[in-house]
């Protein structure tokens, strides 16, 4: 055995190249969101908004936030008024169309007009990117 075993420059370069190749091939697998993780993000975003809308209704005698426009709705959900709110820091983006906008009533959910759809009669909050995702 060598008492002062050291790495040569050639060995260090080979190790660096091998680590670089492994990193370049492995990192995209972990950083790109696959369909399964995007479905999880979609469900998380919808569930978060549903819970916060229920809280809003509980604190405002059963009424929904102002749905006259998306800006009014967003302001009602993200602004503290008195002892109530903010309910969310921002409206989550739908990971399938990258839109955080909410539309109200009109065509059924799944038309890909906005990120989300809120039915003002039932209070149902749904994804608007596709019909299958509207049911989640």
N, C-alpha and C. Protein backbone atom coordinates (compact mmCIF):
# COMPACT_ATOMS: atom_id res chain seq x y z
N UNK A 1 0.82 -1.19 0.00
CA UNK A 1 0.00 0.00 0.00
C UNK A 1 0.87 1.25 0.00
N UNK A 2 0.39 2.23 -0.72
CA UNK A 2 1.10 3.51 -0.71
C UNK A 2 0.69 4.26 0.54
N UNK A 3 1.67 4.85 1.21
CA UNK A 3 1.36 5.60 2.42
C UNK A 3 0.61 6.89 2.11
N UNK A 4 1.00 7.58 1.09
CA UNK A 4 0.36 8.84 0.71
C UNK A 4 -0.39 8.65 -0.60
N UNK A 5 -1.45 7.85 -0.55
CA UNK A 5 -2.23 7.58 -1.75
C UNK A 5 -2.96 8.85 -2.16
N UNK A 6 -2.76 9.25 -3.43
CA UNK A 6 -3.40 10.45 -3.96
C UNK A 6 -3.98 10.14 -5.32
N UNK A 7 -4.94 10.95 -5.72
CA UNK A 7 -5.55 10.79 -7.02
C UNK A 7 -4.71 11.53 -8.05
N UNK A 8 -4.55 10.92 -9.20
CA UNK A 8 -3.85 11.62 -10.29
C UNK A 8 -4.85 12.52 -11.00
N UNK A 9 -4.32 13.46 -11.79
CA UNK A 9 -5.20 14.35 -12.53
C UNK A 9 -6.06 13.58 -13.52
N UNK A 10 -5.54 12.55 -14.11
CA UNK A 10 -6.29 11.75 -15.06
C UNK A 10 -7.47 11.07 -14.37
N UNK A 11 -7.23 10.51 -13.20
CA UNK A 11 -8.31 9.87 -12.46
C UNK A 11 -9.39 10.87 -12.06
N UNK A 12 -8.99 12.05 -11.64
CA UNK A 12 -9.97 13.09 -11.26
C UNK A 12 -10.80 13.52 -12.47
N UNK A 13 -10.16 13.65 -13.63
CA UNK A 13 -10.89 14.05 -14.83
C UNK A 13 -11.89 12.96 -15.22
N UNK A 14 -11.49 11.71 -15.15
CA UNK A 14 -12.39 10.60 -15.49
C UNK A 14 -13.58 10.58 -14.54
N UNK A 15 -13.35 10.77 -13.26
CA UNK A 15 -14.44 10.80 -12.28
C UNK A 15 -15.39 11.97 -12.57
N UNK A 16 -14.83 13.13 -12.87
CA UNK A 16 -15.66 14.31 -13.17
C UNK A 16 -16.52 14.07 -14.41
N UNK A 17 -15.96 13.45 -15.44
CA UNK A 17 -16.71 13.17 -16.66
C UNK A 17 -17.83 12.17 -16.38
N UNK A 18 -17.54 11.12 -15.63
CA UNK A 18 -18.56 10.12 -15.32
C UNK A 18 -19.69 10.76 -14.50
N UNK A 19 -19.35 11.56 -13.50
CA UNK A 19 -20.37 12.23 -12.70
C UNK A 19 -21.20 13.20 -13.55
N UNK A 20 -20.55 13.87 -14.47
CA UNK A 20 -21.26 14.79 -15.36
C UNK A 20 -22.27 14.06 -16.24
N UNK A 21 -21.86 12.92 -16.80
CA UNK A 21 -22.75 12.13 -17.65
C UNK A 21 -23.93 11.61 -16.85
N UNK A 22 -23.68 11.12 -15.65
CA UNK A 22 -24.76 10.62 -14.80
C UNK A 22 -25.73 11.75 -14.45
N UNK A 23 -25.20 12.90 -14.10
CA UNK A 23 -26.04 14.05 -13.75
C UNK A 23 -26.89 14.50 -14.93
N UNK A 24 -26.28 14.62 -16.10
CA UNK A 24 -27.01 15.08 -17.28
C UNK A 24 -28.12 14.11 -17.64
N UNK A 25 -27.92 12.83 -17.44
CA UNK A 25 -28.97 11.87 -17.80
C UNK A 25 -30.02 11.71 -16.71
N UNK A 26 -29.66 11.95 -15.45
CA UNK A 26 -30.60 11.70 -14.35
C UNK A 26 -31.44 12.90 -13.97
N UNK A 27 -30.91 14.09 -14.04
CA UNK A 27 -31.61 15.29 -13.57
C UNK A 27 -32.94 15.51 -14.29
N UNK A 28 -33.03 15.41 -15.62
CA UNK A 28 -34.34 15.63 -16.25
C UNK A 28 -35.42 14.69 -15.77
N UNK A 29 -35.08 13.49 -15.36
CA UNK A 29 -36.08 12.56 -14.87
C UNK A 29 -36.71 13.04 -13.57
N UNK A 30 -35.95 13.77 -12.79
CA UNK A 30 -36.46 14.23 -11.50
C UNK A 30 -37.06 15.62 -11.56
N UNK A 31 -36.66 16.44 -12.51
CA UNK A 31 -37.14 17.81 -12.55
C UNK A 31 -38.39 18.00 -13.40
N UNK A 32 -38.57 17.20 -14.42
CA UNK A 32 -39.75 17.35 -15.26
C UNK A 32 -40.95 16.71 -14.59
N UNK A 33 -42.02 17.46 -14.53
CA UNK A 33 -43.24 16.92 -13.92
C UNK A 33 -43.94 16.03 -14.92
N UNK A 34 -44.10 14.79 -14.57
CA UNK A 34 -44.82 13.86 -15.43
C UNK A 34 -46.31 14.03 -15.24
N UNK A 35 -47.10 13.35 -16.04
CA UNK A 35 -48.55 13.47 -15.94
C UNK A 35 -49.09 13.14 -14.54
N UNK A 36 -48.49 12.16 -13.88
CA UNK A 36 -48.98 11.78 -12.56
C UNK A 36 -48.77 12.91 -11.55
N UNK A 37 -47.61 13.55 -11.60
CA UNK A 37 -47.36 14.62 -10.63
C UNK A 37 -48.20 15.85 -10.95
N UNK A 38 -48.47 16.08 -12.24
CA UNK A 38 -49.32 17.23 -12.59
C UNK A 38 -50.76 16.99 -12.13
N UNK A 39 -51.23 15.74 -12.20
CA UNK A 39 -52.56 15.43 -11.69
C UNK A 39 -52.60 15.68 -10.19
N UNK A 40 -51.53 15.30 -9.50
CA UNK A 40 -51.45 15.56 -8.06
C UNK A 40 -51.47 17.05 -7.75
N UNK A 41 -50.73 17.84 -8.54
CA UNK A 41 -50.74 19.30 -8.35
C UNK A 41 -52.13 19.87 -8.62
N UNK A 42 -52.80 19.34 -9.65
CA UNK A 42 -54.15 19.80 -9.99
C UNK A 42 -55.10 19.53 -8.84
N UNK A 43 -55.06 18.32 -8.30
CA UNK A 43 -55.94 17.95 -7.19
C UNK A 43 -55.62 18.80 -5.97
N UNK A 44 -54.33 19.02 -5.68
CA UNK A 44 -53.94 19.84 -4.53
C UNK A 44 -54.47 21.27 -4.68
N UNK A 45 -54.30 21.85 -5.87
CA UNK A 45 -54.77 23.22 -6.10
C UNK A 45 -56.27 23.35 -5.96
N UNK A 46 -56.99 22.39 -6.55
CA UNK A 46 -58.46 22.43 -6.47
C UNK A 46 -58.92 22.24 -5.03
N UNK A 47 -58.30 21.29 -4.34
CA UNK A 47 -58.70 21.02 -2.95
C UNK A 47 -58.41 22.22 -2.05
N UNK A 48 -57.27 22.86 -2.25
CA UNK A 48 -56.92 24.05 -1.47
C UNK A 48 -57.97 25.14 -1.67
N UNK A 49 -58.35 25.37 -2.92
CA UNK A 49 -59.35 26.40 -3.20
C UNK A 49 -60.71 26.02 -2.64
N UNK A 50 -61.09 24.75 -2.73
CA UNK A 50 -62.38 24.32 -2.20
C UNK A 50 -62.46 24.54 -0.69
N UNK A 51 -61.39 24.19 0.00
CA UNK A 51 -61.35 24.38 1.46
C UNK A 51 -61.44 25.86 1.80
N UNK A 52 -60.69 26.69 1.09
CA UNK A 52 -60.70 28.12 1.39
C UNK A 52 -62.01 28.78 0.99
N UNK A 53 -62.65 28.30 -0.07
CA UNK A 53 -63.98 28.82 -0.42
C UNK A 53 -65.01 28.44 0.64
N UNK A 54 -64.90 27.22 1.17
CA UNK A 54 -65.80 26.81 2.26
C UNK A 54 -65.58 27.69 3.49
N UNK A 55 -64.34 28.00 3.80
CA UNK A 55 -64.03 28.87 4.93
C UNK A 55 -64.59 30.28 4.68
N UNK A 56 -64.42 30.78 3.47
CA UNK A 56 -64.97 32.09 3.12
C UNK A 56 -66.48 32.11 3.34
N UNK A 57 -67.15 31.08 2.84
CA UNK A 57 -68.60 31.02 3.00
C UNK A 57 -69.01 30.95 4.47
N UNK A 58 -68.25 30.21 5.26
CA UNK A 58 -68.56 30.10 6.69
C UNK A 58 -68.40 31.45 7.39
N UNK A 59 -67.44 32.23 6.97
CA UNK A 59 -67.19 33.52 7.61
C UNK A 59 -68.02 34.66 7.01
N UNK A 60 -68.71 34.41 5.91
CA UNK A 60 -69.50 35.45 5.25
C UNK A 60 -70.94 35.02 5.04
N UNK A 61 -71.51 34.39 6.03
CA UNK A 61 -72.93 34.02 6.04
C UNK A 61 -73.37 33.23 4.81
N UNK A 62 -72.52 32.33 4.33
CA UNK A 62 -72.88 31.45 3.23
C UNK A 62 -72.70 32.02 1.85
N UNK A 63 -72.22 33.25 1.73
CA UNK A 63 -72.07 33.82 0.39
C UNK A 63 -70.65 33.60 -0.14
N UNK A 64 -70.56 33.54 -1.46
CA UNK A 64 -69.28 33.38 -2.14
C UNK A 64 -68.59 34.73 -2.29
N UNK A 65 -67.29 34.73 -2.59
CA UNK A 65 -66.61 36.00 -2.87
C UNK A 65 -67.25 36.66 -4.10
N UNK A 66 -66.95 37.93 -4.29
CA UNK A 66 -67.46 38.69 -5.42
C UNK A 66 -67.05 38.00 -6.72
N UNK A 67 -68.04 37.63 -7.54
CA UNK A 67 -67.76 36.96 -8.80
C UNK A 67 -68.12 37.85 -9.99
N UNK A 68 -68.13 39.14 -9.77
CA UNK A 68 -68.39 40.08 -10.86
C UNK A 68 -67.29 40.06 -11.90
N UNK A 69 -66.08 39.79 -11.46
CA UNK A 69 -64.93 39.67 -12.36
C UNK A 69 -63.88 38.83 -11.66
N UNK A 70 -62.92 38.35 -12.44
CA UNK A 70 -61.85 37.57 -11.84
C UNK A 70 -61.03 38.43 -10.88
N UNK A 71 -60.80 39.68 -11.24
CA UNK A 71 -60.01 40.58 -10.38
C UNK A 71 -60.69 40.76 -9.03
N UNK A 72 -62.00 40.91 -9.01
CA UNK A 72 -62.74 41.08 -7.76
C UNK A 72 -62.69 39.80 -6.93
N UNK A 73 -62.83 38.65 -7.58
CA UNK A 73 -62.76 37.36 -6.91
C UNK A 73 -61.37 37.16 -6.31
N UNK A 74 -60.36 37.43 -7.11
CA UNK A 74 -58.98 37.26 -6.66
C UNK A 74 -58.68 38.17 -5.47
N UNK A 75 -59.15 39.39 -5.54
CA UNK A 75 -58.95 40.33 -4.43
C UNK A 75 -59.64 39.84 -3.16
N UNK A 76 -60.86 39.34 -3.29
CA UNK A 76 -61.60 38.85 -2.13
C UNK A 76 -60.89 37.66 -1.48
N UNK A 77 -60.25 36.83 -2.29
CA UNK A 77 -59.59 35.63 -1.76
C UNK A 77 -58.18 35.91 -1.23
N UNK A 78 -57.54 36.96 -1.69
CA UNK A 78 -56.14 37.20 -1.32
C UNK A 78 -55.93 38.40 -0.39
N UNK A 79 -56.99 39.08 -0.02
CA UNK A 79 -56.87 40.28 0.80
C UNK A 79 -57.51 40.06 2.17
N UNK A 80 -56.84 40.55 3.19
CA UNK A 80 -57.40 40.47 4.54
C UNK A 80 -58.36 41.64 4.73
N UNK A 81 -59.55 41.32 5.20
CA UNK A 81 -60.55 42.35 5.47
C UNK A 81 -61.02 42.12 6.90
N UNK A 82 -60.70 43.04 7.78
CA UNK A 82 -61.05 42.89 9.18
C UNK A 82 -60.35 41.68 9.77
N UNK A 83 -61.14 40.77 10.31
CA UNK A 83 -60.58 39.55 10.91
C UNK A 83 -60.57 38.38 9.94
N UNK A 84 -61.08 38.60 8.74
CA UNK A 84 -61.19 37.52 7.75
C UNK A 84 -60.13 37.65 6.66
N UNK A 85 -59.66 36.49 6.19
CA UNK A 85 -58.73 36.45 5.08
C UNK A 85 -57.32 36.79 5.50
N UNK A 86 -56.40 36.80 4.61
CA UNK A 86 -56.56 36.30 3.25
C UNK A 86 -56.73 34.79 3.26
N UNK A 87 -57.44 34.30 2.29
CA UNK A 87 -57.74 32.87 2.23
C UNK A 87 -56.66 32.10 1.49
N UNK A 88 -56.09 32.71 0.47
CA UNK A 88 -54.95 32.15 -0.25
C UNK A 88 -53.99 33.29 -0.56
N UNK A 89 -52.71 32.96 -0.70
CA UNK A 89 -51.75 34.01 -1.07
C UNK A 89 -51.90 34.35 -2.55
N UNK A 90 -52.27 33.36 -3.35
CA UNK A 90 -52.56 33.58 -4.77
C UNK A 90 -53.41 32.41 -5.26
N UNK A 91 -54.13 32.64 -6.34
CA UNK A 91 -54.93 31.57 -6.94
C UNK A 91 -53.94 30.60 -7.58
N UNK A 92 -54.03 29.29 -7.27
CA UNK A 92 -53.07 28.36 -7.86
C UNK A 92 -53.27 28.22 -9.36
N UNK A 93 -52.17 27.98 -10.07
CA UNK A 93 -52.25 27.76 -11.52
C UNK A 93 -52.63 26.31 -11.78
N UNK A 94 -53.45 26.11 -12.78
CA UNK A 94 -53.78 24.77 -13.24
C UNK A 94 -52.53 24.25 -13.96
N UNK A 95 -51.92 23.15 -13.50
CA UNK A 95 -50.66 22.71 -14.10
C UNK A 95 -50.78 22.18 -15.53
N UNK A 96 -51.98 21.98 -16.03
CA UNK A 96 -52.14 21.47 -17.39
C UNK A 96 -52.26 22.58 -18.43
N UNK A 97 -52.72 23.76 -18.03
CA UNK A 97 -52.76 24.87 -18.99
C UNK A 97 -52.07 26.12 -18.44
N UNK A 98 -51.49 26.01 -17.26
CA UNK A 98 -50.72 27.09 -16.62
C UNK A 98 -51.51 28.38 -16.44
N UNK A 99 -52.82 28.27 -16.29
CA UNK A 99 -53.66 29.45 -16.06
C UNK A 99 -54.15 29.44 -14.61
N UNK A 100 -54.13 30.60 -13.98
CA UNK A 100 -54.65 30.70 -12.62
C UNK A 100 -55.97 31.46 -12.59
N UNK A 101 -56.54 31.71 -13.75
CA UNK A 101 -57.79 32.46 -13.82
C UNK A 101 -58.98 31.57 -13.47
N UNK A 102 -60.02 32.21 -12.97
CA UNK A 102 -61.26 31.50 -12.62
C UNK A 102 -62.38 32.13 -13.42
N UNK A 103 -63.18 31.29 -14.06
CA UNK A 103 -64.39 31.79 -14.73
C UNK A 103 -65.59 31.33 -13.94
N UNK A 104 -66.68 32.02 -14.11
CA UNK A 104 -67.86 31.78 -13.31
C UNK A 104 -69.02 31.37 -14.20
N UNK A 105 -69.62 30.23 -13.88
CA UNK A 105 -70.82 29.73 -14.56
C UNK A 105 -70.57 29.56 -16.07
N UNK A 106 -71.60 29.74 -16.88
CA UNK A 106 -71.46 29.56 -18.32
C UNK A 106 -71.31 28.09 -18.69
N UNK A 107 -70.47 27.82 -19.68
CA UNK A 107 -70.26 26.46 -20.15
C UNK A 107 -69.73 25.57 -19.04
N UNK A 108 -70.01 24.27 -19.12
CA UNK A 108 -69.51 23.35 -18.09
C UNK A 108 -67.98 23.34 -18.05
N UNK A 109 -67.44 22.91 -16.94
CA UNK A 109 -65.99 22.83 -16.77
C UNK A 109 -65.41 21.87 -17.79
N UNK A 110 -64.20 22.17 -18.23
CA UNK A 110 -63.51 21.32 -19.17
C UNK A 110 -63.33 21.93 -20.54
N UNK A 111 -63.65 23.20 -20.69
CA UNK A 111 -63.57 23.85 -22.01
C UNK A 111 -62.21 24.46 -22.29
N UNK A 112 -61.31 24.49 -21.31
CA UNK A 112 -59.97 25.06 -21.43
C UNK A 112 -59.99 26.56 -21.73
N UNK A 113 -61.01 27.23 -21.21
CA UNK A 113 -61.10 28.69 -21.35
C UNK A 113 -60.25 29.37 -20.29
N UNK A 114 -60.21 28.78 -19.10
CA UNK A 114 -59.44 29.35 -18.00
C UNK A 114 -58.82 28.19 -17.21
N UNK A 115 -58.17 28.51 -16.12
CA UNK A 115 -57.58 27.46 -15.29
C UNK A 115 -58.62 26.72 -14.48
N UNK A 116 -59.62 27.47 -13.99
CA UNK A 116 -60.61 26.91 -13.08
C UNK A 116 -62.00 27.44 -13.43
N UNK A 117 -63.03 26.76 -12.93
CA UNK A 117 -64.43 27.20 -13.10
C UNK A 117 -65.13 27.09 -11.75
N UNK A 118 -65.86 28.13 -11.39
CA UNK A 118 -66.65 28.13 -10.16
C UNK A 118 -68.12 28.23 -10.53
N UNK A 119 -68.90 27.26 -10.08
CA UNK A 119 -70.35 27.29 -10.28
C UNK A 119 -70.92 28.08 -9.11
N UNK A 120 -71.47 29.24 -9.38
CA UNK A 120 -71.92 30.12 -8.29
C UNK A 120 -73.21 29.62 -7.64
N UNK A 121 -73.94 28.74 -8.29
CA UNK A 121 -75.15 28.19 -7.66
C UNK A 121 -74.82 27.11 -6.64
N UNK A 122 -73.90 26.22 -7.01
CA UNK A 122 -73.57 25.10 -6.13
C UNK A 122 -72.29 25.32 -5.33
N UNK A 123 -71.46 26.26 -5.76
CA UNK A 123 -70.17 26.49 -5.10
C UNK A 123 -69.11 25.50 -5.54
N UNK A 124 -69.40 24.70 -6.57
CA UNK A 124 -68.46 23.70 -7.05
C UNK A 124 -67.30 24.36 -7.78
N UNK A 125 -66.09 24.06 -7.32
CA UNK A 125 -64.86 24.60 -7.91
C UNK A 125 -64.18 23.47 -8.67
N UNK A 126 -63.96 23.65 -9.98
CA UNK A 126 -63.44 22.58 -10.83
C UNK A 126 -62.31 23.05 -11.73
N UNK A 127 -61.49 22.10 -12.17
CA UNK A 127 -60.48 22.38 -13.19
C UNK A 127 -61.20 22.62 -14.50
N UNK A 128 -60.65 23.52 -15.32
CA UNK A 128 -61.32 23.87 -16.58
C UNK A 128 -60.52 23.43 -17.80
N UNK A 129 -59.40 22.70 -17.61
CA UNK A 129 -58.56 22.37 -18.73
C UNK A 129 -59.08 21.22 -19.58
N UNK A 130 -59.79 20.28 -18.97
CA UNK A 130 -60.35 19.15 -19.73
C UNK A 130 -61.51 18.54 -18.95
N UNK A 131 -62.38 17.84 -19.66
CA UNK A 131 -63.55 17.23 -19.03
C UNK A 131 -63.14 16.20 -17.96
N UNK A 132 -62.17 15.31 -18.26
CA UNK A 132 -61.78 14.35 -17.21
C UNK A 132 -61.24 15.03 -15.95
N UNK A 133 -60.49 16.10 -16.11
CA UNK A 133 -59.95 16.79 -14.93
C UNK A 133 -61.03 17.56 -14.19
N UNK A 134 -62.10 17.94 -14.85
CA UNK A 134 -63.18 18.66 -14.17
C UNK A 134 -63.83 17.80 -13.11
N UNK A 135 -63.74 16.49 -13.26
CA UNK A 135 -64.36 15.57 -12.30
C UNK A 135 -63.50 15.25 -11.11
N UNK A 136 -62.27 15.76 -11.08
CA UNK A 136 -61.38 15.45 -9.96
C UNK A 136 -61.67 16.31 -8.75
